[in-house]
Amino acid sequence: MTITEIKSLPVSERIMLMEEIWDSLCHEHEPVKSPLWQQDILNDRLELINSKQATLISLQELKNTNR
């Protein structure tokens, strides 16, 4: 199935297709590796935390900033 064919489906059918694909992925036994750039970001953030240069906020503070 091509992207054009998928886009031509009604939204409800695309959602069902997406759910079926997601379901099939949930039953895979092969682990999915994260890309290296994500590990680099995590390492940078961990370094900031360990060096006490990071500004940490609570979940409530985060929620309040998005209003």
PDB file of N, CA and C in Angstrom:
ATOM      1  N   MET A   1       0.850  -1.171   0.000  1.00  0.00           N
ATOM      2  CA  MET A   1       0.000   0.000   0.000  1.00  0.00           C
ATOM      3  C   MET A   1       0.899   1.238   0.000  1.00  0.00           C
ATOM      4  N   THR A   2       0.591   2.172  -0.866  1.00  0.00           N
ATOM      5  CA  THR A   2       1.387   3.392  -0.970  1.00  0.00           C
ATOM      6  C   THR A   2       0.822   4.483  -0.047  1.00  0.00           C
ATOM      7  N   ILE A   3       1.605   5.515   0.146  1.00  0.00           N
ATOM      8  CA  ILE A   3       1.159   6.659   0.954  1.00  0.00           C
ATOM      9  C   ILE A   3      -0.085   7.288   0.324  1.00  0.00           C
ATOM     10  N   THR A   4      -0.088   7.389  -0.990  1.00  0.00           N
ATOM     11  CA  THR A   4      -1.245   7.973  -1.687  1.00  0.00           C
ATOM     12  C   THR A   4      -2.498   7.158  -1.419  1.00  0.00           C
ATOM     13  N   GLU A   5      -2.362   5.846  -1.454  1.00  0.00           N
ATOM     14  CA  GLU A   5      -3.512   4.987  -1.169  1.00  0.00           C
ATOM     15  C   GLU A   5      -3.967   5.149   0.275  1.00  0.00           C
ATOM     16  N   ILE A   6      -3.018   5.233   1.176  1.00  0.00           N
ATOM     17  CA  ILE A   6      -3.355   5.404   2.598  1.00  0.00           C
ATOM     18  C   ILE A   6      -4.078   6.726   2.805  1.00  0.00           C
ATOM     19  N   LYS A   7      -3.562   7.787   2.185  1.00  0.00           N
ATOM     20  CA  LYS A   7      -4.183   9.106   2.341  1.00  0.00           C
ATOM     21  C   LYS A   7      -5.586   9.160   1.753  1.00  0.00           C
ATOM     22  N   SER A   8      -5.859   8.289   0.811  1.00  0.00           N
ATOM     23  CA  SER A   8      -7.185   8.294   0.196  1.00  0.00           C
ATOM     24  C   SER A   8      -8.234   7.589   1.059  1.00  0.00           C
ATOM     25  N   LEU A   9      -7.795   6.850   2.063  1.00  0.00           N
ATOM     26  CA  LEU A   9      -8.725   6.166   2.964  1.00  0.00           C
ATOM     27  C   LEU A   9      -9.400   7.167   3.884  1.00  0.00           C
ATOM     28  N   PRO A  10     -10.603   6.867   4.313  1.00  0.00           N
ATOM     29  CA  PRO A  10     -11.242   7.726   5.325  1.00  0.00           C
ATOM     30  C   PRO A  10     -10.428   7.675   6.629  1.00  0.00           C
ATOM     31  N   VAL A  11     -10.524   8.708   7.401  1.00  0.00           N
ATOM     32  CA  VAL A  11      -9.764   8.808   8.644  1.00  0.00           C
ATOM     33  C   VAL A  11     -10.007   7.601   9.542  1.00  0.00           C
ATOM     34  N   SER A  12     -11.237   7.177   9.651  1.00  0.00           N
ATOM     35  CA  SER A  12     -11.547   6.041  10.528  1.00  0.00           C
ATOM     36  C   SER A  12     -10.785   4.782  10.098  1.00  0.00           C
ATOM     37  N   GLU A  13     -10.664   4.567   8.786  1.00  0.00           N
ATOM     38  CA  GLU A  13      -9.938   3.395   8.296  1.00  0.00           C
ATOM     39  C   GLU A  13      -8.435   3.542   8.515  1.00  0.00           C
ATOM     40  N   ARG A  14      -7.924   4.762   8.367  1.00  0.00           N
ATOM     41  CA  ARG A  14      -6.491   4.989   8.623  1.00  0.00           C
ATOM     42  C   ARG A  14      -6.164   4.750  10.088  1.00  0.00           C
ATOM     43  N   ILE A  15      -7.062   5.141  10.963  1.00  0.00           N
ATOM     44  CA  ILE A  15      -6.848   4.900  12.394  1.00  0.00           C
ATOM     45  C   ILE A  15      -6.849   3.405  12.676  1.00  0.00           C
ATOM     46  N   MET A  16      -7.766   2.685  12.079  1.00  0.00           N
ATOM     47  CA  MET A  16      -7.807   1.232  12.277  1.00  0.00           C
ATOM     48  C   MET A  16      -6.526   0.579  11.746  1.00  0.00           C
ATOM     49  N   LEU A  17      -6.063   1.034  10.590  1.00  0.00           N
ATOM     50  CA  LEU A  17      -4.831   0.514  10.012  1.00  0.00           C
ATOM     51  C   LEU A  17      -3.647   0.796  10.929  1.00  0.00           C
ATOM     52  N   MET A  18      -3.599   2.010  11.458  1.00  0.00           N
ATOM     53  CA  MET A  18      -2.533   2.391  12.374  1.00  0.00           C
ATOM     54  C   MET A  18      -2.562   1.509  13.628  1.00  0.00           C
ATOM     55  N   GLU A  19      -3.736   1.247  14.151  1.00  0.00           N
ATOM     56  CA  GLU A  19      -3.859   0.395  15.335  1.00  0.00           C
ATOM     57  C   GLU A  19      -3.394  -1.031  15.044  1.00  0.00           C
ATOM     58  N   GLU A  20      -3.711  -1.521  13.859  1.00  0.00           N
ATOM     59  CA  GLU A  20      -3.266  -2.867  13.483  1.00  0.00           C
ATOM     60  C   GLU A  20      -1.746  -2.930  13.366  1.00  0.00           C
ATOM     61  N   ILE A  21      -1.161  -1.897  12.779  1.00  0.00           N
ATOM     62  CA  ILE A  21       0.301  -1.848  12.670  1.00  0.00           C
ATOM     63  C   ILE A  21       0.924  -1.780  14.059  1.00  0.00           C
ATOM     64  N   TRP A  22       0.369  -0.919  14.919  1.00  0.00           N
ATOM     65  CA  TRP A  22       0.895  -0.786  16.282  1.00  0.00           C
ATOM     66  C   TRP A  22       0.808  -2.122  17.021  1.00  0.00           C
ATOM     67  N   ASP A  23      -0.325  -2.789  16.877  1.00  0.00           N
ATOM     68  CA  ASP A  23      -0.510  -4.104  17.499  1.00  0.00           C
ATOM     69  C   ASP A  23       0.547  -5.090  17.029  1.00  0.00           C
ATOM     70  N   SER A  24       0.821  -5.081  15.739  1.00  0.00           N
ATOM     71  CA  SER A  24       1.815  -6.020  15.201  1.00  0.00           C
ATOM     72  C   SER A  24       3.206  -5.709  15.758  1.00  0.00           C
ATOM     73  N   LEU A  25       3.496  -4.435  15.969  1.00  0.00           N
ATOM     74  CA  LEU A  25       4.800  -4.052  16.519  1.00  0.00           C
ATOM     75  C   LEU A  25       4.931  -4.447  17.991  1.00  0.00           C
ATOM     76  N   CYS A  26       3.841  -4.409  18.703  1.00  0.00           N
ATOM     77  CA  CYS A  26       3.864  -4.756  20.133  1.00  0.00           C
ATOM     78  C   CYS A  26       4.233  -6.218  20.361  1.00  0.00           C
ATOM     79  N   HIS A  27       4.030  -7.047  19.368  1.00  0.00           N
ATOM     80  CA  HIS A  27       4.307  -8.473  19.509  1.00  0.00           C
ATOM     81  C   HIS A  27       5.655  -8.880  18.931  1.00  0.00           C
ATOM     82  N   GLU A  28       6.439  -7.890  18.503  1.00  0.00           N
ATOM     83  CA  GLU A  28       7.782  -8.173  17.993  1.00  0.00           C
ATOM     84  C   GLU A  28       8.699  -8.502  19.160  1.00  0.00           C
ATOM     85  N   HIS A  29       9.571  -9.438  18.939  1.00  0.00           N
ATOM     86  CA  HIS A  29      10.503  -9.818  20.004  1.00  0.00           C
ATOM     87  C   HIS A  29      11.878  -9.203  19.807  1.00  0.00           C
ATOM     88  N   GLU A  30      12.094  -8.603  18.665  1.00  0.00           N
ATOM     89  CA  GLU A  30      13.378  -7.971  18.375  1.00  0.00           C
ATOM     90  C   GLU A  30      13.400  -6.571  19.003  1.00  0.00           C
ATOM     91  N   PRO A  31      14.388  -6.298  19.833  1.00  0.00           N
ATOM     92  CA  PRO A  31      14.433  -4.968  20.451  1.00  0.00           C
ATOM     93  C   PRO A  31      14.725  -3.886  19.407  1.00  0.00           C
ATOM     94  N   VAL A  32      14.163  -2.722  19.638  1.00  0.00           N
ATOM     95  CA  VAL A  32      14.386  -1.589  18.745  1.00  0.00           C
ATOM     96  C   VAL A  32      15.461  -0.718  19.378  1.00  0.00           C
ATOM     97  N   LYS A  33      16.504  -0.458  18.623  1.00  0.00           N
ATOM     98  CA  LYS A  33      17.594   0.374  19.133  1.00  0.00           C
ATOM     99  C   LYS A  33      17.286   1.837  18.870  1.00  0.00           C
ATOM    100  N   SER A  34      17.555   2.645  19.861  1.00  0.00           N
ATOM    101  CA  SER A  34      17.404   4.082  19.679  1.00  0.00           C
ATOM    102  C   SER A  34      18.565   4.599  18.836  1.00  0.00           C
ATOM    103  N   PRO A  35      18.321   5.655  18.070  1.00  0.00           N
ATOM    104  CA  PRO A  35      19.419   6.221  17.281  1.00  0.00           C
ATOM    105  C   PRO A  35      20.488   6.829  18.195  1.00  0.00           C
ATOM    106  N   LEU A  36      21.716   6.866  17.712  1.00  0.00           N
ATOM    107  CA  LEU A  36      22.829   7.375  18.514  1.00  0.00           C
ATOM    108  C   LEU A  36      22.627   8.823  18.936  1.00  0.00           C
ATOM    109  N   TRP A  37      21.962   9.622  18.115  1.00  0.00           N
ATOM    110  CA  TRP A  37      21.788  11.026  18.467  1.00  0.00           C
ATOM    111  C   TRP A  37      20.944  11.165  19.743  1.00  0.00           C
ATOM    112  N   GLN A  38      20.018  10.226  19.971  1.00  0.00           N
ATOM    113  CA  GLN A  38      19.225  10.285  21.202  1.00  0.00           C
ATOM    114  C   GLN A  38      20.100   9.976  22.412  1.00  0.00           C
ATOM    115  N   GLN A  39      20.996   9.005  22.285  1.00  0.00           N
ATOM    116  CA  GLN A  39      21.906   8.684  23.386  1.00  0.00           C
ATOM    117  C   GLN A  39      22.818   9.863  23.666  1.00  0.00           C
ATOM    118  N   ASP A  40      23.252  10.559  22.627  1.00  0.00           N
ATOM    119  CA  ASP A  40      24.100  11.742  22.811  1.00  0.00           C
ATOM    120  C   ASP A  40      23.375  12.810  23.628  1.00  0.00           C
ATOM    121  N   ILE A  41      22.109  13.033  23.320  1.00  0.00           N
ATOM    122  CA  ILE A  41      21.323  14.032  24.060  1.00  0.00           C
ATOM    123  C   ILE A  41      21.180  13.616  25.521  1.00  0.00           C
ATOM    124  N   LEU A  42      20.877  12.341  25.751  1.00  0.00           N
ATOM    125  CA  LEU A  42      20.736  11.855  27.126  1.00  0.00           C
ATOM    126  C   LEU A  42      22.047  11.992  27.891  1.00  0.00           C
ATOM    127  N   ASN A  43      23.149  11.679  27.239  1.00  0.00           N
ATOM    128  CA  ASN A  43      24.462  11.816  27.887  1.00  0.00           C
ATOM    129  C   ASN A  43      24.751  13.267  28.239  1.00  0.00           C
ATOM    130  N   ASP A  44      24.422  14.187  27.324  1.00  0.00           N
ATOM    131  CA  ASP A  44      24.628  15.613  27.595  1.00  0.00           C
ATOM    132  C   ASP A  44      23.804  16.071  28.792  1.00  0.00           C
ATOM    133  N   ARG A  45      22.562  15.616  28.852  1.00  0.00           N
ATOM    134  CA  ARG A  45      21.687  16.017  29.960  1.00  0.00           C
ATOM    135  C   ARG A  45      22.168  15.427  31.281  1.00  0.00           C
ATOM    136  N   LEU A  46      22.607  14.185  31.243  1.00  0.00           N
ATOM    137  CA  LEU A  46      23.124  13.556  32.450  1.00  0.00           C
ATOM    138  C   LEU A  46      24.380  14.272  32.939  1.00  0.00           C
ATOM    139  N   GLU A  47      25.212  14.697  32.006  1.00  0.00           N
ATOM    140  CA  GLU A  47      26.420  15.445  32.368  1.00  0.00           C
ATOM    141  C   GLU A  47      26.056  16.764  33.049  1.00  0.00           C
ATOM    142  N   LEU A  48      25.040  17.446  32.539  1.00  0.00           N
ATOM    143  CA  LEU A  48      24.587  18.694  33.165  1.00  0.00           C
ATOM    144  C   LEU A  48      24.076  18.444  34.581  1.00  0.00           C
ATOM    145  N   ILE A  49      23.340  17.367  34.761  1.00  0.00           N
ATOM    146  CA  ILE A  49      22.824  17.029  36.092  1.00  0.00           C
ATOM    147  C   ILE A  49      23.971  16.715  37.040  1.00  0.00           C
ATOM    148  N   ASN A  50      24.901  15.881  36.596  1.00  0.00           N
ATOM    149  CA  ASN A  50      26.018  15.481  37.459  1.00  0.00           C
ATOM    150  C   ASN A  50      26.942  16.643  37.801  1.00  0.00           C
ATOM    151  N   SER A  51      27.048  17.618  36.910  1.00  0.00           N
ATOM    152  CA  SER A  51      27.913  18.775  37.161  1.00  0.00           C
ATOM    153  C   SER A  51      27.180  19.887  37.899  1.00  0.00           C
ATOM    154  N   LYS A  52      25.911  19.618  38.269  1.00  0.00           N
ATOM    155  CA  LYS A  52      25.065  20.576  39.001  1.00  0.00           C
ATOM    156  C   LYS A  52      24.783  21.846  38.196  1.00  0.00           C
ATOM    157  N   GLN A  53      24.857  21.754  36.878  1.00  0.00           N
ATOM    158  CA  GLN A  53      24.564  22.898  36.008  1.00  0.00           C
ATOM    159  C   GLN A  53      23.124  22.868  35.487  1.00  0.00           C
ATOM    160  N   ALA A  54      22.435  21.772  35.716  1.00  0.00           N
ATOM    161  CA  ALA A  54      21.057  21.647  35.240  1.00  0.00           C
ATOM    162  C   ALA A  54      20.099  22.338  36.196  1.00  0.00           C
ATOM    163  N   THR A  55      19.055  22.902  35.641  1.00  0.00           N
ATOM    164  CA  THR A  55      17.986  23.467  36.449  1.00  0.00           C
ATOM    165  C   THR A  55      16.859  22.458  36.466  1.00  0.00           C
ATOM    166  N   LEU A  56      16.586  21.920  37.627  1.00  0.00           N
ATOM    167  CA  LEU A  56      15.542  20.906  37.755  1.00  0.00           C
ATOM    168  C   LEU A  56      14.273  21.549  38.294  1.00  0.00           C
ATOM    169  N   ILE A  57      13.133  21.119  37.743  1.00  0.00           N
ATOM    170  CA  ILE A  57      11.846  21.626  38.220  1.00  0.00           C
ATOM    171  C   ILE A  57      10.931  20.433  38.491  1.00  0.00           C
ATOM    172  N   SER A  58       9.919  20.685  39.290  1.00  0.00           N
ATOM    173  CA  SER A  58       8.960  19.624  39.614  1.00  0.00           C
ATOM    174  C   SER A  58       7.984  19.445  38.453  1.00  0.00           C
ATOM    175  N   LEU A  59       7.266  18.354  38.494  1.00  0.00           N
ATOM    176  CA  LEU A  59       6.254  18.099  37.475  1.00  0.00           C
ATOM    177  C   LEU A  59       5.192  19.193  37.518  1.00  0.00           C
ATOM    178  N   GLN A  60       4.826  19.630  38.699  1.00  0.00           N
ATOM    179  CA  GLN A  60       3.814  20.680  38.823  1.00  0.00           C
ATOM    180  C   GLN A  60       4.315  21.983  38.197  1.00  0.00           C
ATOM    181  N   GLU A  61       5.584  22.306  38.414  1.00  0.00           N
ATOM    182  CA  GLU A  61       6.144  23.528  37.805  1.00  0.00           C
ATOM    183  C   GLU A  61       6.117  23.415  36.283  1.00  0.00           C
ATOM    184  N   LEU A  62       6.421  22.237  35.769  1.00  0.00           N
ATOM    185  CA  LEU A  62       6.380  22.029  34.326  1.00  0.00           C
ATOM    186  C   LEU A  62       4.969  22.214  33.785  1.00  0.00           C
ATOM    187  N   LYS A  63       4.000  21.637  34.487  1.00  0.00           N
ATOM    188  CA  LYS A  63       2.611  21.768  34.068  1.00  0.00           C
ATOM    189  C   LYS A  63       2.184  23.241  34.058  1.00  0.00           C
ATOM    190  N   ASN A  64       2.633  23.998  35.028  1.00  0.00           N
ATOM    191  CA  ASN A  64       2.254  25.406  35.125  1.00  0.00           C
ATOM    192  C   ASN A  64       2.874  26.245  34.022  1.00  0.00           C
ATOM    193  N   THR A  65       4.024  25.832  33.489  1.00  0.00           N
ATOM    194  CA  THR A  65       4.671  26.625  32.432  1.00  0.00           C
ATOM    195  C   THR A  65       4.016  26.441  31.084  1.00  0.00           C
ATOM    196  N   ASN A  66       3.216  25.406  30.923  1.00  0.00           N
ATOM    197  CA  ASN A  66       2.590  25.135  29.636  1.00  0.00           C
ATOM    198  C   ASN A  66       1.175  25.678  29.530  1.00  0.00           C
ATOM    199  N   ARG A  67       0.800  26.555  30.409  1.00  0.00           N
ATOM    200  CA  ARG A  67      -0.560  27.100  30.378  1.00  0.00           C
ATOM    201  C   ARG A  67      -0.601  28.408  29.660  1.00  0.00           C
TER     202      ARG A  67
END
